[in-house]
């Protein structure tokens, strides 16, 4: 049975078709064909990469060429918001604010600050006490001199009584001498004693005057040197000294003490000290109206007037110093603030509202179209559009615009002929 099973198993086999029998050769052929197609695709990709780069570069270059060739080049101006002074100015000059009345308050003799009665920004009146300097030694000296005065006055009274007595004795001896009842020598001694007493009275009277003068000097020193007063109405703009610090009028550095206690200024009478080039002096004259802008107060403009032209030039800088009075100061102005002065051509601007601002554009941006003032307005896409505007007046190369534009709008300057609505332009490089 086992042998028959082996025979049956041996007789078993799989019948394969003819196509399957030749598969090794056909498989090799298919693999070769596939490998050839892959190589061709890879080589095509290698050629497409540089061709694509060249194509993109050509497209970019063509686009740039078209942009340059088709867009007209124009100059752009910006709509600005300015005051009349900034727009109508003859010339501008920078300077610094100064108070017409400003003083550093100190002493003529060295001393220590005992009391401070003011602070910075405090308003003071003329004659008001600002600070007190220690003066205990001077108080003691004053008491001593007053005592000496009392003693001299007492000695004077004593001398006057003695003079009365000497005069009385002289007269008595004179009567006795007439009656031959006293010797001449006694009468002569009485006369000499009276004259000596008169001299003593005169000396004491002079001594009293000298002591009184010393007392007055000490009192004046205490009153006017130890007490510091405001010389005029003003504001404390700086406090240099503090209680306990030494004030020395000869101090050249902080190690030797302070040279002043406080600085006061009259902030209601402010000037701008500015320098004008020599070649521009013919444009201004005393009384010239001006507009003043202060860096610390950018939202306000002040009315001014050229108060003084200093009759001395600076040959190293080729300038002349001028002083411009601010006609409407306020509490925002302080000495040493930077300021710009715009000198105006017409005195009528001196009475105008210096804070009112208007829109201005360059004069070359405006052109006429059917009897109307127009400009070419540039949008964010570099496209132009014709805009009709209303113009108020024109001066110094600028035009004031009443309507039709807003601040920071861009307009085309000296627009070329043939410009149309919707044209794309490019801004000229400056």
Protein backbone atom coordinates (compact mmCIF):
# COMPACT_ATOMS: atom_id res chain seq x y z
CA UNK A 1 0.00 0.00 0.00
CA UNK A 2 2.86 2.29 0.80
CA UNK A 3 4.46 1.62 -2.55
CA UNK A 4 1.22 2.37 -4.36
CA UNK A 5 0.95 5.69 -2.48
CA UNK A 6 4.45 6.67 -3.54
CA UNK A 7 3.67 5.80 -7.14
CA UNK A 8 0.54 7.95 -7.06
CA UNK A 9 2.42 10.89 -5.59
CA UNK A 10 5.17 10.54 -8.15
CA UNK A 11 2.66 10.55 -10.94
CA UNK A 12 1.28 13.92 -9.80
CA UNK A 13 2.58 17.06 -11.76
CA UNK A 14 1.39 20.58 -12.77
CA UNK A 15 0.68 21.26 -16.38
CA UNK A 16 1.93 24.76 -17.40
CA UNK A 17 0.98 26.56 -20.57
CA UNK A 18 3.56 27.29 -23.18
CA UNK A 19 3.54 31.00 -22.47
CA UNK A 20 4.52 30.39 -18.89
CA UNK A 21 7.37 28.20 -19.88
CA UNK A 22 9.05 31.06 -21.80
CA UNK A 23 8.52 33.71 -19.02
CA UNK A 24 12.18 34.19 -18.05
CA UNK A 25 13.05 35.50 -21.47
CA UNK A 26 9.96 37.63 -21.77
CA UNK A 27 10.48 39.09 -18.22
CA UNK A 28 13.94 40.20 -19.10
CA UNK A 29 12.64 41.93 -22.22
CA UNK A 30 9.93 43.79 -20.28
CA UNK A 31 12.39 44.98 -17.64
CA UNK A 32 14.70 46.32 -20.35
CA UNK A 33 11.90 48.22 -21.99
CA UNK A 34 10.81 49.74 -18.71
CA UNK A 35 14.39 50.80 -17.90
CA UNK A 36 14.65 52.53 -21.26
CA UNK A 37 11.49 54.51 -20.71
CA UNK A 38 12.74 55.70 -17.28
CA UNK A 39 16.01 56.92 -18.77
CA UNK A 40 14.15 58.86 -21.42
CA UNK A 41 11.89 60.47 -18.82
CA UNK A 42 14.88 61.40 -16.62
CA UNK A 43 16.72 62.99 -19.54
CA UNK A 44 13.59 64.94 -20.50
CA UNK A 45 13.34 66.22 -16.92
CA UNK A 46 16.96 67.32 -17.00
CA UNK A 47 16.26 69.34 -20.15
CA UNK A 48 13.02 70.81 -18.75
CA UNK A 49 14.67 72.35 -15.65
CA UNK A 50 16.99 74.80 -17.48
CA UNK A 51 14.32 75.46 -20.09
CA UNK A 52 11.88 76.40 -17.29
CA UNK A 53 14.42 78.69 -15.66
CA UNK A 54 15.11 80.41 -18.94
CA UNK A 55 11.39 80.77 -19.59
CA UNK A 56 10.65 82.29 -16.19
CA UNK A 57 13.55 84.72 -16.51
CA UNK A 58 12.36 85.73 -19.94
CA UNK A 59 8.84 86.28 -18.63
CA UNK A 60 10.08 88.43 -15.75
CA UNK A 61 12.32 90.45 -18.03
CA UNK A 62 9.51 90.94 -20.49
CA UNK A 63 7.15 92.07 -17.74
CA UNK A 64 9.69 94.57 -16.43
CA UNK A 65 10.31 95.82 -19.92
CA UNK A 66 6.59 96.24 -20.47
CA UNK A 67 6.26 98.08 -17.15
CA UNK A 68 9.08 100.48 -17.99
CA UNK A 69 7.92 100.99 -21.53
CA UNK A 70 4.24 101.51 -20.82
CA UNK A 71 4.20 103.49 -17.50
CA UNK A 72 4.90 107.20 -17.83
CA UNK A 73 7.34 108.60 -15.30
CA UNK A 74 5.92 111.40 -13.12
CA UNK A 75 7.03 113.49 -10.14
CA UNK A 76 4.85 113.18 -7.05
CA UNK A 77 3.91 115.86 -4.52
CA UNK A 78 2.14 115.41 -1.19
CA UNK A 79 -0.75 117.45 0.20
CA UNK A 80 0.50 119.13 3.38
CA UNK A 81 -1.33 120.70 6.26
CA UNK A 82 0.36 123.94 7.32
CA UNK A 83 -0.39 127.20 9.03
CA UNK A 84 -0.31 130.47 7.11
CA UNK A 85 3.03 131.29 8.66
CA UNK A 86 4.63 128.07 7.44
CA UNK A 87 3.22 128.50 3.95
CA UNK A 88 3.62 132.25 3.47
CA UNK A 89 6.97 132.65 5.24
CA UNK A 90 9.71 134.83 3.81
CA UNK A 91 12.36 132.87 5.67
CA UNK A 92 12.70 130.69 8.75
CA UNK A 93 15.25 130.74 11.52
CA UNK A 94 15.83 128.47 14.50
CA UNK A 95 16.58 129.72 17.98
CA UNK A 96 15.81 129.39 21.69
CA UNK A 97 13.31 130.97 24.04
CA UNK A 98 14.59 133.60 26.45
CA UNK A 99 12.78 135.58 29.11
CA UNK A 100 13.25 139.31 28.75
CA UNK A 101 13.58 139.52 32.55
CA UNK A 102 15.52 136.64 34.07
CA UNK A 103 17.85 136.71 37.08
CA UNK A 104 19.91 134.33 39.19
CA UNK A 105 19.34 135.34 42.83
CA UNK A 106 22.35 135.00 45.13
CA UNK A 107 24.29 136.87 47.81
CA UNK A 108 27.30 139.17 47.71
CA UNK A 109 28.83 137.40 50.71
CA UNK A 110 29.20 133.69 51.38
CA UNK A 111 26.68 132.03 53.66
CA UNK A 112 24.70 128.89 54.39
CA UNK A 113 21.05 128.53 53.38
CA UNK A 114 18.90 128.50 56.48
CA UNK A 115 15.42 128.55 54.94
CA UNK A 116 13.91 128.09 51.45
CA UNK A 117 10.52 129.71 50.98
CA UNK A 118 9.83 128.91 47.32
CA UNK A 119 9.84 125.93 44.99
CA UNK A 120 10.16 125.48 41.25
CA UNK A 121 7.22 126.80 39.17
CA UNK A 122 6.17 129.00 42.11
CA UNK A 123 4.75 132.39 41.18
CA UNK A 124 6.44 135.21 43.11
CA UNK A 125 5.80 138.94 43.45
CA UNK A 126 8.33 141.73 43.54
CA UNK A 127 9.77 142.06 47.06
CA UNK A 128 8.70 138.57 48.18
CA UNK A 129 11.26 136.68 50.30
CA UNK A 130 12.74 133.73 48.40
CA UNK A 131 15.30 132.35 50.88
CA UNK A 132 17.06 133.17 54.16
CA UNK A 133 20.82 132.88 54.75
CA UNK A 134 22.19 132.04 58.21
CA UNK A 135 23.17 135.22 60.05
CA UNK A 136 23.42 134.43 63.77
CA UNK A 137 26.84 136.07 63.99
CA UNK A 138 25.50 139.22 62.39
CA UNK A 139 22.58 139.26 64.83
CA UNK A 140 25.09 139.18 67.70
CA UNK A 141 27.14 141.94 66.06
CA UNK A 142 24.01 144.04 65.67
CA UNK A 143 23.20 143.66 69.38
CA UNK A 144 26.75 144.66 70.28
CA UNK A 145 26.63 147.77 68.12
CA UNK A 146 23.25 148.76 69.50
CA UNK A 147 24.67 148.44 73.01
CA UNK A 148 27.64 150.61 72.02
CA UNK A 149 25.20 153.18 70.69
CA UNK A 150 23.34 153.25 74.00
CA UNK A 151 26.61 153.66 75.88
CA UNK A 152 27.71 156.52 73.63
CA UNK A 153 24.37 158.25 74.05
CA UNK A 154 24.70 157.96 77.85
CA UNK A 155 28.23 159.35 77.77
CA UNK A 156 27.00 162.22 75.63
CA UNK A 157 24.33 163.12 78.18
CA UNK A 158 26.96 163.03 80.92
CA UNK A 159 29.25 165.27 78.88
CA UNK A 160 26.43 167.74 78.24
CA UNK A 161 25.74 168.00 81.99
CA UNK A 162 29.42 168.51 82.64
CA UNK A 163 29.52 171.19 79.94
CA UNK A 164 26.61 172.96 81.62
CA UNK A 165 28.50 172.91 84.90
CA UNK A 166 31.74 174.17 83.31
CA UNK A 167 29.88 176.99 81.61
CA UNK A 168 28.26 177.95 84.91
CA UNK A 169 31.61 178.03 86.74
CA UNK A 170 33.14 180.12 83.98
CA UNK A 171 30.41 182.74 84.21
CA UNK A 172 30.67 182.87 88.04
CA UNK A 173 34.44 183.39 87.90
CA UNK A 174 33.97 186.04 85.24
CA UNK A 175 31.74 188.05 87.60
CA UNK A 176 34.20 187.62 90.43
CA UNK A 177 37.08 188.68 88.18
CA UNK A 178 35.27 191.90 87.33
CA UNK A 179 34.98 192.65 91.07
CA UNK A 180 38.64 191.72 91.59
CA UNK A 181 37.57 188.91 93.87
CA UNK A 182 39.31 185.99 92.03
CA UNK A 183 42.66 185.64 90.28
CA UNK A 184 42.93 185.64 86.49
CA UNK A 185 44.42 182.17 86.53
CA UNK A 186 41.29 180.57 87.99
CA UNK A 187 39.18 182.25 85.34
CA UNK A 188 41.48 180.98 82.56
CA UNK A 189 41.29 177.43 83.95
CA UNK A 190 37.50 177.60 83.89
CA UNK A 191 37.54 178.67 80.24
CA UNK A 192 39.86 175.76 79.31
CA UNK A 193 37.72 173.25 81.19
CA UNK A 194 34.61 174.46 79.34
CA UNK A 195 36.29 174.12 75.95
CA UNK A 196 37.53 170.62 76.77
CA UNK A 197 34.04 169.59 77.73
CA UNK A 198 32.66 171.05 74.51
CA UNK A 199 35.21 169.04 72.52
CA UNK A 200 34.23 165.90 74.40
CA UNK A 201 30.56 166.51 73.59
CA UNK A 202 31.40 166.94 69.90
CA UNK A 203 33.48 163.75 69.91
CA UNK A 204 30.68 161.78 71.52
CA UNK A 205 28.18 163.12 69.02
CA UNK A 206 30.44 161.98 66.14
CA UNK A 207 30.93 158.60 67.81
CA UNK A 208 27.17 158.20 68.09
CA UNK A 209 26.80 158.93 64.37
CA UNK A 210 29.48 156.33 63.57
CA UNK A 211 27.86 153.70 65.77
CA UNK A 212 24.46 154.46 64.25
CA UNK A 213 25.97 154.01 60.80
CA UNK A 214 27.41 150.67 61.87
CA UNK A 215 24.03 149.61 63.22
CA UNK A 216 22.33 150.67 59.98
CA UNK A 217 24.96 148.81 57.95
CA UNK A 218 24.47 145.61 59.92
CA UNK A 219 20.69 145.88 59.68
CA UNK A 220 20.88 146.50 55.93
CA UNK A 221 23.25 143.56 55.47
CA UNK A 222 20.89 141.28 57.35
CA UNK A 223 17.82 142.61 55.56
CA UNK A 224 19.13 142.75 52.00
CA UNK A 225 21.92 140.16 52.00
CA UNK A 226 20.66 137.52 54.40
CA UNK A 227 17.10 137.73 53.06
CA UNK A 228 16.84 137.21 49.30
CA UNK A 229 13.98 139.04 47.59
CA UNK A 230 12.37 138.74 44.16
CA UNK A 231 13.48 141.75 42.07
CA UNK A 232 10.39 141.53 39.84
CA UNK A 233 7.20 139.54 39.35
CA UNK A 234 7.97 136.16 37.85
CA UNK A 235 8.20 132.39 38.16
CA UNK A 236 10.86 130.27 39.83
CA UNK A 237 12.31 128.33 36.90
CA UNK A 238 15.22 126.73 38.75
CA UNK A 239 16.18 126.14 42.38
CA UNK A 240 19.94 125.75 42.69
CA UNK A 241 20.30 125.77 46.46
CA UNK A 242 18.83 123.74 49.28
CA UNK A 243 18.73 124.18 53.06
CA UNK A 244 22.22 123.66 54.47
CA UNK A 245 24.12 124.37 51.26
CA UNK A 246 26.77 127.08 51.13
CA UNK A 247 26.16 129.98 48.76
CA UNK A 248 29.39 131.52 47.51
CA UNK A 249 29.25 134.29 44.89
CA UNK A 250 32.80 133.43 43.81
CA UNK A 251 32.13 129.70 43.43
CA UNK A 252 33.43 128.30 40.16
CA UNK A 253 32.46 124.67 40.85
CA UNK A 254 30.03 122.72 43.03
CA UNK A 255 32.84 121.81 45.46
CA UNK A 256 33.12 125.50 46.43
CA UNK A 257 29.38 125.90 46.91
CA UNK A 258 26.54 127.32 44.87
CA UNK A 259 26.74 130.73 43.25
CA UNK A 260 22.98 131.31 43.37
CA UNK A 261 19.94 130.07 45.26
CA UNK A 262 17.15 130.37 42.69
CA UNK A 263 16.56 131.62 39.16
CA UNK A 264 13.38 133.51 38.39
CA UNK A 265 12.02 134.65 35.04
CA UNK A 266 9.06 136.64 33.80
CA UNK A 267 7.34 134.07 31.57
CA UNK A 268 4.78 136.60 30.37
CA UNK A 269 7.44 138.43 28.33
CA UNK A 270 9.22 135.84 26.21
CA UNK A 271 11.52 136.34 23.23
CA UNK A 272 13.05 133.99 20.70
CA UNK A 273 16.72 134.67 20.11
CA UNK A 274 17.57 133.50 16.59
CA UNK A 275 20.37 133.97 14.07
CA UNK A 276 19.69 135.17 10.53
CA UNK A 277 22.27 134.81 7.74
CA UNK A 278 23.76 138.10 6.64
CA UNK A 279 22.60 137.62 3.06
CA UNK A 280 18.97 137.30 4.26
CA UNK A 281 18.89 140.41 6.45
CA UNK A 282 17.31 142.53 3.71
CA UNK A 283 14.13 140.46 4.05
CA UNK A 284 13.35 141.47 7.64
CA UNK A 285 12.96 144.69 9.60
CA UNK A 286 12.00 145.64 13.15
CA UNK A 287 8.26 145.26 13.61
CA UNK A 288 8.12 142.40 11.09
CA UNK A 289 5.28 139.94 11.89
CA UNK A 290 6.25 136.36 12.53
CA UNK A 291 4.87 133.00 13.51
CA UNK A 292 6.66 130.96 16.17
CA UNK A 293 6.54 127.19 16.50
CA UNK A 294 7.99 125.60 19.64
CA UNK A 295 9.26 122.04 19.54
CA UNK A 296 7.80 121.26 22.97
CA UNK A 297 4.33 122.48 21.87
CA UNK A 298 3.83 120.95 18.41
CA UNK A 299 0.07 121.53 18.36
CA UNK A 300 0.16 125.31 18.69
CA UNK A 301 1.58 128.29 16.81
CA UNK A 302 2.32 131.62 18.47
CA UNK A 303 2.11 135.11 17.00
CA UNK A 304 5.35 137.05 17.08
CA UNK A 305 6.96 140.35 16.16
CA UNK A 306 10.59 141.18 15.41
CA UNK A 307 11.40 143.35 18.42
CA UNK A 308 15.11 143.96 18.03
CA UNK A 309 17.96 143.44 15.58
CA UNK A 310 21.22 143.32 17.51
CA UNK A 311 23.63 145.86 15.99
CA UNK A 312 26.52 143.41 15.99
CA UNK A 313 27.28 140.64 13.52
CA UNK A 314 29.04 137.33 14.08
CA UNK A 315 31.79 137.18 11.49
CA UNK A 316 32.71 133.58 12.33
CA UNK A 317 29.19 132.39 11.48
CA UNK A 318 28.16 135.22 9.15
CA UNK A 319 24.91 135.75 11.07
CA UNK A 320 23.10 138.52 12.94
CA UNK A 321 21.19 137.89 16.17
CA UNK A 322 17.57 139.01 16.32
CA UNK A 323 14.98 138.93 19.10
CA UNK A 324 11.38 138.04 18.26
CA UNK A 325 8.76 138.90 20.85
CA UNK A 326 5.98 136.35 21.44
CA UNK A 327 2.68 138.24 21.54
CA UNK A 328 0.50 135.49 23.04
CA UNK A 329 2.64 133.43 25.48
CA UNK A 330 1.12 130.80 27.76
CA UNK A 331 2.20 128.55 30.62
CA UNK A 332 3.72 125.98 28.23
CA UNK A 333 6.66 128.21 27.31
CA UNK A 334 9.91 128.11 29.29
CA UNK A 335 13.38 129.56 28.75
CA UNK A 336 15.83 127.59 26.59
CA UNK A 337 13.16 125.69 24.64
CA UNK A 338 13.95 125.24 20.95
CA UNK A 339 11.78 127.30 18.60
CA UNK A 340 11.47 128.11 14.90
CA UNK A 341 10.52 131.58 13.68
CA UNK A 342 8.69 132.00 10.36
CA UNK A 343 8.91 135.63 9.22
CA UNK A 344 5.73 136.69 7.40
CA UNK A 345 5.58 139.03 4.41
CA UNK A 346 2.49 141.04 5.39
CA UNK A 347 1.63 142.62 8.72
CA UNK A 348 -1.98 141.48 8.38
CA UNK A 349 -0.88 137.97 9.40
CA UNK A 350 0.20 139.33 12.78
CA UNK A 351 -3.46 139.59 13.78
CA UNK A 352 -4.57 136.30 12.23
CA UNK A 353 -5.21 133.02 13.98
CA UNK A 354 -1.74 131.50 14.06
CA UNK A 355 -3.05 128.05 15.05
CA UNK A 356 -5.41 127.52 12.10
CA UNK A 357 -4.05 125.09 9.52
CA UNK A 358 -4.86 124.76 5.81
CA UNK A 359 -4.11 122.29 3.02
CA UNK A 360 -1.37 123.26 0.59
CA UNK A 361 -0.02 121.66 -2.58
CA UNK A 362 2.80 122.68 -4.94
CA UNK A 363 1.70 125.15 -7.58
CA UNK A 364 2.92 122.96 -10.46
CA UNK A 365 0.36 120.26 -9.56
CA UNK A 366 -2.62 122.44 -10.57
CA UNK A 367 -3.83 122.67 -14.19
CA UNK A 368 -6.92 124.07 -15.87
CA UNK A 369 -9.64 121.87 -17.38
CA UNK A 370 -12.80 123.51 -18.77
CA UNK A 371 -12.19 126.56 -16.61
CA UNK A 372 -11.78 124.56 -13.40
CA UNK A 373 -8.69 123.90 -11.26
CA UNK A 374 -7.79 120.21 -11.32
CA UNK A 375 -5.04 117.85 -10.21
CA UNK A 376 -4.07 114.28 -11.01
CA UNK A 377 -4.56 112.21 -7.85
CA UNK A 378 -2.44 109.08 -7.38
CA UNK A 379 -3.91 106.06 -5.58
CA UNK A 380 -2.21 103.14 -3.84
CA UNK A 381 -2.12 101.13 -7.10
CA UNK A 382 -0.15 103.88 -8.88
CA UNK A 383 -3.20 104.80 -10.96
CA UNK A 384 -4.09 108.42 -11.60
CA UNK A 385 -7.50 110.04 -11.49
CA UNK A 386 -8.47 113.59 -12.35
CA UNK A 387 -9.78 115.51 -9.34
CA UNK A 388 -11.45 118.92 -9.39
CA UNK A 389 -10.39 121.20 -6.52
CA UNK A 390 -11.12 124.68 -5.15
CA UNK A 391 -8.11 126.97 -4.74
CA UNK A 392 -8.06 129.90 -2.29
CA UNK A 393 -4.83 131.71 -3.14
CA UNK A 394 -1.36 131.11 -4.51
CA UNK A 395 1.92 132.43 -3.17
CA UNK A 396 5.56 131.42 -2.87
CA UNK A 397 5.15 128.34 -5.07
CA UNK A 398 2.31 126.82 -3.05
CA UNK A 399 -1.45 126.78 -3.50
CA UNK A 400 -3.98 126.71 -0.68
CA UNK A 401 -6.73 124.15 -1.30
CA UNK A 402 -10.20 124.67 0.13
CA UNK A 403 -11.80 121.41 -1.02
CA UNK A 404 -11.23 118.31 -3.13
CA UNK A 405 -8.18 116.91 -1.34
CA UNK A 406 -7.18 115.67 2.07
CA UNK A 407 -3.94 115.53 3.98
CA UNK A 408 -1.26 113.09 2.71
CA UNK A 409 -2.91 112.73 -0.73
CA UNK A 410 -0.41 112.32 -3.56
CA UNK A 411 -0.67 114.51 -6.66
CA UNK A 412 1.28 114.57 -9.92
CA UNK A 413 3.58 117.55 -10.41
CA UNK A 414 3.82 119.06 -13.90
CA UNK A 415 1.65 116.27 -15.39
CA UNK A 416 2.70 115.11 -18.87
CA UNK A 417 0.41 115.55 -21.84
CA UNK A 418 -1.77 112.63 -22.78
CA UNK A 419 -2.35 111.44 -19.23
CA UNK A 420 -5.76 109.80 -18.83
CA UNK A 421 -7.93 108.54 -16.00
CA UNK A 422 -6.86 105.09 -14.86
CA UNK A 423 -3.35 105.27 -16.35
CA UNK A 424 -0.70 103.46 -14.36
CA UNK A 425 2.36 105.64 -13.71
CA UNK A 426 5.64 105.20 -11.95
CA UNK A 427 7.23 107.67 -9.60
CA UNK A 428 10.39 109.35 -10.83
CA UNK A 429 13.47 108.76 -8.72
CA UNK A 430 14.99 111.87 -7.19
